[in-house]
């Protein structure tokens, strides 16, 4: 999977608006990518284009590794590797 999002990637998500990315904390165009719920309080998670792409890559790479080896341990290794990359 490429490191840079393809041109059509932006259109996969709807509701792009000006806001703050939960990952990089930059203020730019963001889209809602999920929700964090604790008890009865839910908070929408929004990410910018670059961080949304990184999260998709993390998911893709970890899932591919897990499916290839068929083990939860392999998934954990791939996930940890992708998390280190995201932190950089």
C-alpha atoms as a PDB file:
ATOM      1  CA  UNK A   1       0.000   0.000   0.000  1.00  0.00           C
ATOM      2  CA  UNK A   2       1.430   3.395  -0.989  1.00  0.00           C
ATOM      3  CA  UNK A   3       2.663   5.839   1.631  1.00  0.00           C
ATOM      4  CA  UNK A   4       0.711   8.709   0.039  1.00  0.00           C
ATOM      5  CA  UNK A   5      -3.054   8.657  -0.405  1.00  0.00           C
ATOM      6  CA  UNK A   6      -4.337   8.243  -3.955  1.00  0.00           C
ATOM      7  CA  UNK A   7      -6.320  11.153  -5.370  1.00  0.00           C
ATOM      8  CA  UNK A   8      -9.645   9.341  -4.952  1.00  0.00           C
ATOM      9  CA  UNK A   9      -8.998   8.568  -1.270  1.00  0.00           C
ATOM     10  CA  UNK A  10     -10.428  11.942  -0.180  1.00  0.00           C
ATOM     11  CA  UNK A  11     -13.800  11.002  -1.672  1.00  0.00           C
ATOM     12  CA  UNK A  12     -14.064   7.745   0.317  1.00  0.00           C
ATOM     13  CA  UNK A  13     -14.998   9.763   3.373  1.00  0.00           C
ATOM     14  CA  UNK A  14     -17.818  12.270   3.682  1.00  0.00           C
ATOM     15  CA  UNK A  15     -18.326  15.263   5.883  1.00  0.00           C
ATOM     16  CA  UNK A  16     -14.895  16.869   5.569  1.00  0.00           C
ATOM     17  CA  UNK A  17     -14.907  20.025   7.652  1.00  0.00           C
ATOM     18  CA  UNK A  18     -12.497  22.418   9.306  1.00  0.00           C
ATOM     19  CA  UNK A  19     -11.394  21.042  12.681  1.00  0.00           C
ATOM     20  CA  UNK A  20      -8.588  19.501  14.722  1.00  0.00           C
ATOM     21  CA  UNK A  21      -7.117  16.071  14.011  1.00  0.00           C
ATOM     22  CA  UNK A  22      -7.075  13.821  17.089  1.00  0.00           C
ATOM     23  CA  UNK A  23      -3.732  12.264  16.008  1.00  0.00           C
ATOM     24  CA  UNK A  24      -1.484  15.117  14.869  1.00  0.00           C
ATOM     25  CA  UNK A  25      -3.485  17.926  16.502  1.00  0.00           C
ATOM     26  CA  UNK A  26      -3.196  20.081  13.384  1.00  0.00           C
ATOM     27  CA  UNK A  27      -6.132  22.261  12.453  1.00  0.00           C
ATOM     28  CA  UNK A  28      -7.208  21.485   8.897  1.00  0.00           C
ATOM     29  CA  UNK A  29      -9.857  19.600   6.926  1.00  0.00           C
ATOM     30  CA  UNK A  30     -10.898  16.573   9.014  1.00  0.00           C
ATOM     31  CA  UNK A  31     -13.484  13.816   8.755  1.00  0.00           C
ATOM     32  CA  UNK A  32     -15.116  11.720  11.458  1.00  0.00           C
ATOM     33  CA  UNK A  33     -13.440   8.317  11.574  1.00  0.00           C
ATOM     34  CA  UNK A  34     -14.896   6.858  14.720  1.00  0.00           C
ATOM     35  CA  UNK A  35     -16.174   7.352  18.199  1.00  0.00           C
ATOM     36  CA  UNK A  36     -14.698   6.864  21.644  1.00  0.00           C
ATOM     37  CA  UNK A  37     -17.266   5.952  24.295  1.00  0.00           C
ATOM     38  CA  UNK A  38     -16.673   5.787  28.026  1.00  0.00           C
ATOM     39  CA  UNK A  39     -19.743   5.082  30.085  1.00  0.00           C
ATOM     40  CA  UNK A  40     -22.524   7.209  28.667  1.00  0.00           C
ATOM     41  CA  UNK A  41     -20.223   9.834  27.111  1.00  0.00           C
ATOM     42  CA  UNK A  42     -19.322   9.521  23.420  1.00  0.00           C
ATOM     43  CA  UNK A  43     -16.746  11.683  21.665  1.00  0.00           C
ATOM     44  CA  UNK A  44     -16.384  11.816  17.886  1.00  0.00           C
ATOM     45  CA  UNK A  45     -12.842  11.191  16.596  1.00  0.00           C
ATOM     46  CA  UNK A  46     -11.824  13.257  13.589  1.00  0.00           C
ATOM     47  CA  UNK A  47      -8.652  12.904  11.545  1.00  0.00           C
ATOM     48  CA  UNK A  48      -6.993  14.871   8.757  1.00  0.00           C
ATOM     49  CA  UNK A  49      -6.342  13.324   5.341  1.00  0.00           C
ATOM     50  CA  UNK A  50      -2.757  12.312   6.156  1.00  0.00           C
ATOM     51  CA  UNK A  51      -3.646  10.672   9.476  1.00  0.00           C
ATOM     52  CA  UNK A  52      -6.726   8.968   8.022  1.00  0.00           C
ATOM     53  CA  UNK A  53      -4.477   7.459   5.354  1.00  0.00           C
ATOM     54  CA  UNK A  54      -1.937   6.347   7.986  1.00  0.00           C
ATOM     55  CA  UNK A  55      -4.703   4.676  10.008  1.00  0.00           C
ATOM     56  CA  UNK A  56      -5.981   2.867   6.919  1.00  0.00           C
ATOM     57  CA  UNK A  57      -2.453   1.680   6.155  1.00  0.00           C
ATOM     58  CA  UNK A  58      -2.017   0.506   9.750  1.00  0.00           C
ATOM     59  CA  UNK A  59      -5.237  -1.488   9.539  1.00  0.00           C
ATOM     60  CA  UNK A  60      -4.416  -2.890   6.094  1.00  0.00           C
ATOM     61  CA  UNK A  61      -0.874  -3.956   7.035  1.00  0.00           C
ATOM     62  CA  UNK A  62      -1.834  -5.473  10.385  1.00  0.00           C
ATOM     63  CA  UNK A  63      -4.773  -7.361   8.902  1.00  0.00           C
ATOM     64  CA  UNK A  64      -2.726  -8.669   5.976  1.00  0.00           C
ATOM     65  CA  UNK A  65      -0.025  -9.958   8.314  1.00  0.00           C
ATOM     66  CA  UNK A  66      -2.579 -11.553  10.610  1.00  0.00           C
ATOM     67  CA  UNK A  67      -4.431 -13.251   7.760  1.00  0.00           C
ATOM     68  CA  UNK A  68      -1.174 -14.444   6.190  1.00  0.00           C
ATOM     69  CA  UNK A  69       0.094 -16.137   9.334  1.00  0.00           C
ATOM     70  CA  UNK A  70      -3.230 -16.817  10.980  1.00  0.00           C
ATOM     71  CA  UNK A  71      -2.037 -15.891  14.449  1.00  0.00           C
ATOM     72  CA  UNK A  72      -2.971 -13.194  16.914  1.00  0.00           C
ATOM     73  CA  UNK A  73       0.714 -12.806  17.778  1.00  0.00           C
ATOM     74  CA  UNK A  74       1.525 -11.861  14.190  1.00  0.00           C
ATOM     75  CA  UNK A  75      -1.256  -9.295  14.271  1.00  0.00           C
ATOM     76  CA  UNK A  76       0.197  -7.844  17.483  1.00  0.00           C
ATOM     77  CA  UNK A  77       3.679  -7.604  15.943  1.00  0.00           C
ATOM     78  CA  UNK A  78       2.361  -5.901  12.802  1.00  0.00           C
ATOM     79  CA  UNK A  79       0.217  -3.558  14.865  1.00  0.00           C
ATOM     80  CA  UNK A  80       3.157  -2.576  17.093  1.00  0.00           C
ATOM     81  CA  UNK A  81       5.324  -1.950  14.025  1.00  0.00           C
ATOM     82  CA  UNK A  82       2.664   0.243  12.441  1.00  0.00           C
ATOM     83  CA  UNK A  83       2.174   2.153  15.716  1.00  0.00           C
ATOM     84  CA  UNK A  84       5.904   2.942  15.820  1.00  0.00           C
ATOM     85  CA  UNK A  85       5.644   4.269  12.263  1.00  0.00           C
ATOM     86  CA  UNK A  86       2.625   6.392  13.165  1.00  0.00           C
ATOM     87  CA  UNK A  87       4.467   7.863  16.127  1.00  0.00           C
ATOM     88  CA  UNK A  88       7.322   9.006  13.904  1.00  0.00           C
END
